[in-house]
Protein backbone atom coordinates (compact mmCIF):
# COMPACT_ATOMS: atom_id res chain seq x y z
CA MET A 1 2.85 -45.64 74.95
CA TYR A 2 2.41 -42.28 73.28
CA LYS A 3 4.45 -41.93 70.13
CA LYS A 4 5.73 -38.57 69.14
CA ARG A 5 4.32 -37.45 65.85
CA LYS A 6 6.73 -36.93 63.06
CA HIS A 7 7.03 -33.42 61.79
CA HIS A 8 5.50 -32.76 58.38
CA LYS A 9 7.88 -32.26 55.58
CA ASN A 10 8.50 -28.85 54.19
CA LEU A 11 5.52 -27.59 52.18
CA ASN A 12 7.73 -27.19 49.11
CA ASP A 13 8.27 -30.94 49.09
CA TYR A 14 4.58 -31.42 48.34
CA ILE A 15 4.52 -28.96 45.48
CA LYS A 16 5.60 -30.32 42.16
CA PRO A 17 8.44 -28.15 40.89
CA VAL A 18 7.61 -26.00 37.88
CA THR A 19 10.47 -26.04 35.45
CA SER A 20 11.51 -23.01 33.48
CA MET A 21 10.42 -24.84 30.33
CA LYS A 22 6.87 -25.10 31.63
CA VAL A 23 6.89 -21.42 32.58
CA ASN A 24 8.02 -20.52 29.07
CA ASN A 25 5.24 -22.66 27.60
CA ILE A 26 2.65 -20.93 29.79
CA ILE A 27 3.91 -17.51 28.71
CA ALA A 28 4.00 -18.53 25.06
CA GLN A 29 0.37 -19.67 25.23
CA ALA A 30 -0.69 -16.42 26.86
CA ILE A 31 0.89 -14.24 24.16
CA PRO A 32 -1.05 -14.37 20.87
CA ASP A 33 0.84 -15.22 17.70
CA GLU A 34 1.77 -12.26 15.53
CA PRO A 35 -0.39 -12.23 12.39
CA PRO A 36 1.45 -13.16 9.20
CA LYS A 37 2.75 -10.29 7.12
CA SER A 38 1.77 -9.93 3.48
CA THR A 39 4.43 -10.76 0.92
CA PHE A 40 2.65 -8.93 -1.90
CA SER A 41 3.58 -5.48 -3.12
CA ASP A 42 0.75 -2.99 -3.50
CA GLU A 43 0.75 -3.46 -7.27
CA GLN A 44 0.65 -7.26 -7.02
CA GLY A 45 -2.10 -7.20 -4.39
CA LEU A 46 -4.29 -4.78 -6.35
CA ALA A 47 -3.93 -6.95 -9.45
CA LYS A 48 -5.22 -9.87 -7.38
CA ALA A 49 -8.09 -7.73 -6.10
CA TYR A 50 -9.21 -6.85 -9.62
CA ALA A 51 -9.36 -10.58 -10.40
CA ALA A 52 -11.14 -11.54 -7.15
CA PRO A 53 -14.90 -12.28 -7.21
CA ASN A 54 -15.65 -9.65 -4.56
CA ALA A 55 -12.94 -7.18 -5.69
CA ILE A 56 -11.12 -7.67 -2.36
CA PHE A 57 -7.88 -9.62 -1.92
CA ILE A 58 -6.66 -10.46 1.57
CA ASP A 59 -3.08 -11.51 2.19
CA GLY A 60 -1.76 -11.66 5.73
CA ASN A 61 -2.13 -8.25 7.32
CA LYS A 62 -3.18 -6.42 4.14
CA ALA A 63 -6.47 -5.93 2.34
CA PHE A 64 -6.30 -4.81 -1.29
CA VAL A 65 -9.40 -3.11 -2.75
CA ALA A 66 -10.00 -2.87 -6.49
CA GLY A 67 -11.50 0.08 -8.28
CA THR A 68 -14.27 0.14 -10.91
CA ARG A 69 -14.50 -3.09 -12.89
CA SER A 70 -17.71 -2.65 -14.88
CA VAL A 71 -20.02 -0.08 -16.41
CA GLY A 72 -22.65 -1.03 -13.84
CA GLU A 73 -20.33 -0.16 -10.98
CA ALA A 74 -19.47 3.13 -12.62
CA VAL A 75 -23.14 4.05 -13.01
CA ASN A 76 -24.26 2.90 -9.57
CA ASP A 77 -21.32 3.95 -7.40
CA TRP A 78 -19.67 7.06 -8.78
CA GLY A 79 -22.89 9.02 -8.44
CA LYS A 80 -23.07 8.06 -4.76
CA ILE A 81 -19.47 9.15 -4.24
CA ALA A 82 -20.27 12.52 -5.80
CA LYS A 83 -23.16 12.84 -3.35
CA ARG A 84 -20.85 11.87 -0.45
CA ASP A 85 -22.86 8.71 0.09
CA THR A 86 -19.87 6.36 -0.03
CA THR A 87 -21.15 4.06 2.73
CA HIS A 88 -23.76 2.78 0.29
CA ILE A 89 -21.46 1.86 -2.59
CA GLU A 90 -21.02 -1.85 -3.18
CA ARG A 91 -17.26 -1.81 -2.66
CA TYR A 92 -17.64 -0.37 0.84
CA GLY A 93 -19.96 -3.19 1.87
CA GLN A 94 -17.61 -5.77 0.38
CA LEU A 95 -14.69 -4.31 2.31
CA VAL A 96 -16.56 -4.31 5.63
CA LYS A 97 -17.51 -7.97 5.22
CA ALA A 98 -13.97 -8.94 4.27
CA LEU A 99 -12.53 -7.23 7.34
CA GLU A 100 -15.07 -8.85 9.65
CA ALA A 101 -13.81 -12.23 8.45
CA ASN A 102 -10.16 -11.19 8.66
CA PRO A 103 -9.53 -9.30 11.92
CA GLN A 104 -5.76 -9.65 11.50
CA VAL A 105 -5.74 -7.01 8.76
CA ASP A 106 -4.09 -3.74 9.78
CA THR A 107 -3.29 -2.20 6.37
CA LEU A 108 -5.65 -1.20 3.55
CA ILE A 109 -4.62 -0.48 -0.03
CA GLY A 110 -7.19 0.90 -2.46
CA HIS A 111 -7.25 2.11 -6.06
CA SER A 112 -9.71 4.61 -7.52
CA LEU A 113 -13.22 3.55 -6.42
CA GLY A 114 -11.57 1.18 -3.95
CA ALA A 115 -9.64 4.11 -2.50
CA SER A 116 -12.94 5.89 -1.82
CA ALA A 117 -14.23 2.82 0.03
CA VAL A 118 -11.06 2.64 2.12
CA ALA A 119 -11.20 6.36 2.95
CA GLU A 120 -14.83 6.07 4.05
CA LEU A 121 -13.96 3.15 6.31
CA GLN A 122 -11.04 5.07 7.78
CA LYS A 123 -13.37 7.97 8.56
CA ASN A 124 -15.91 5.67 10.21
CA THR A 125 -13.30 3.82 12.30
CA ASN A 126 -11.25 6.83 13.39
CA ASN A 127 -8.27 5.84 11.21
CA LYS A 128 -8.02 2.38 12.71
CA TYR A 129 -5.93 1.10 9.82
CA LEU A 130 -2.85 2.15 7.92
CA ALA A 131 -4.01 3.10 4.43
CA ARG A 132 -2.53 3.78 1.01
CA TYR A 133 -4.53 5.16 -1.88
CA TYR A 134 -3.70 5.13 -5.59
CA GLY A 135 -5.40 7.37 -8.13
CA ALA A 136 -7.95 8.45 -5.56
CA PRO A 137 -10.84 10.79 -6.48
CA PHE A 138 -10.19 13.01 -3.47
CA LEU A 139 -10.76 16.74 -3.19
CA ASN A 140 -7.67 18.16 -1.46
CA LEU A 141 -6.98 21.63 -2.80
CA ASN A 142 -4.42 22.70 -0.21
CA PRO A 143 -0.98 21.47 -1.37
CA PHE A 144 0.61 22.79 1.83
CA ASP A 145 -1.48 20.55 4.05
CA GLY A 146 1.01 18.20 5.72
CA PRO A 147 1.02 14.45 5.01
CA ASP A 148 -1.19 12.21 7.11
CA PRO A 149 0.94 9.35 8.49
CA ARG A 150 -1.96 6.90 8.43
CA ASN A 151 -3.41 7.89 5.06
CA GLN A 152 -1.00 8.28 2.16
CA THR A 153 -2.14 9.01 -1.40
CA PHE A 154 -0.15 8.39 -4.58
CA ARG A 155 -0.76 9.36 -8.17
CA HIS A 156 0.89 9.73 -11.56
CA PRO A 157 1.08 13.14 -13.27
CA GLY A 158 -1.74 13.58 -15.74
CA ASP A 159 -4.18 11.26 -13.95
CA PRO A 160 -7.58 12.96 -14.37
CA VAL A 161 -9.29 10.99 -11.58
CA SER A 162 -6.88 12.22 -8.90
CA ALA A 163 -6.30 15.65 -10.44
CA LEU A 164 -7.87 17.47 -7.48
CA ASP A 165 -5.87 15.59 -4.87
CA HIS A 166 -3.15 18.19 -4.37
CA LYS A 167 -2.09 16.40 -1.22
CA ALA A 168 -1.09 13.26 -3.12
CA ASN A 169 2.51 12.16 -3.56
CA THR A 170 3.05 12.46 -7.31
CA PHE A 171 5.64 10.25 -8.99
CA ARG A 172 6.57 9.72 -12.61
CA PRO A 173 5.64 6.25 -13.93
CA THR A 174 8.31 3.58 -14.12
CA THR A 175 6.43 1.45 -16.67
CA PHE A 176 5.33 2.12 -20.25
CA HIS A 177 1.74 1.17 -19.40
CA ALA A 178 1.51 3.80 -16.67
CA TRP A 179 2.91 6.45 -19.03
CA TRP A 180 -0.07 6.21 -21.37
CA TRP A 181 -2.64 5.03 -18.75
CA THR A 182 -1.89 7.53 -16.02
CA HIS A 183 -4.67 6.21 -13.78
CA ASP A 184 -2.74 2.95 -13.39
CA TYR A 185 -2.11 1.62 -9.86
CA GLY A 186 1.21 0.25 -11.06
CA GLY A 187 4.36 1.92 -12.28
CA TYR A 188 5.57 3.15 -8.89
CA ASP A 189 9.11 2.71 -7.64
CA PRO A 190 8.82 0.54 -4.48
CA ALA A 191 11.48 2.75 -2.87
CA ASN A 192 8.92 5.57 -2.86
CA ILE A 193 6.24 3.54 -1.08
CA PRO A 194 6.98 2.78 2.58
CA ASP A 195 5.44 -0.52 3.65
CA SER A 196 4.15 0.66 7.00
CA TYR A 197 3.61 3.78 9.04
CA SER A 198 3.38 4.73 12.67
CA ASN A 199 1.51 7.57 14.34
CA ASP A 200 4.67 9.70 14.39
CA PHE A 201 5.77 8.74 10.88
CA ASP A 202 7.47 11.58 9.00
CA PHE A 203 7.07 10.87 5.31
CA ASN A 204 9.23 13.83 4.30
CA GLU A 205 12.07 12.49 6.41
CA TYR A 206 11.60 9.00 5.04
CA HIS A 207 11.64 10.12 1.44
CA PRO A 208 13.02 13.64 0.90
CA LYS A 209 12.25 13.46 -2.83
CA MET A 210 8.50 13.37 -2.20
CA ASN A 211 6.47 15.52 -4.59
CA PRO A 212 9.28 16.27 -7.05
CA THR A 213 8.84 19.13 -9.48
CA ILE A 214 7.19 17.80 -12.63
């Protein structure tokens, strides 16, 4: 005798339920972890860079680039900077290699010769990074040129290396060392140095005391 076939169960009964916890896990795996933020101030990081074998110190999202550390560097590299051949200075090559190994870096901090290397990289990468420069040997003769939100320069009054950077934010030193060694990367009040910028960052609004009369 012909037996009537039983109806199949609802399709949903054959599909293993996906719990909200599993969905959250799937989403969490799809979203990359945020890179760790550096806990070093610019002064602390640059001090580490000067002590590093390759003059570069990486911490979290920041790369700190030291300036001249020897007579040989001064002889070999400053002449190239004067000839606008910064891509061939040793510090530039060291910075490029360090960034290739640390793609999480989004902020560059350079002092003196290191500032030149950072500026050259910014030019060659269309300002990919946020950058801060200390005692930079830049030629900016127009003091009325507005601040660049992705490239901020800082100097102490009397620093001969950055004397022609009229666009720099000039602040009196807060340490005795920076008073007599005006080319120092230290001696800045942290309140004057914002930790990060955005494309629409207004430095004048952030710090109305920028470029005080000295």
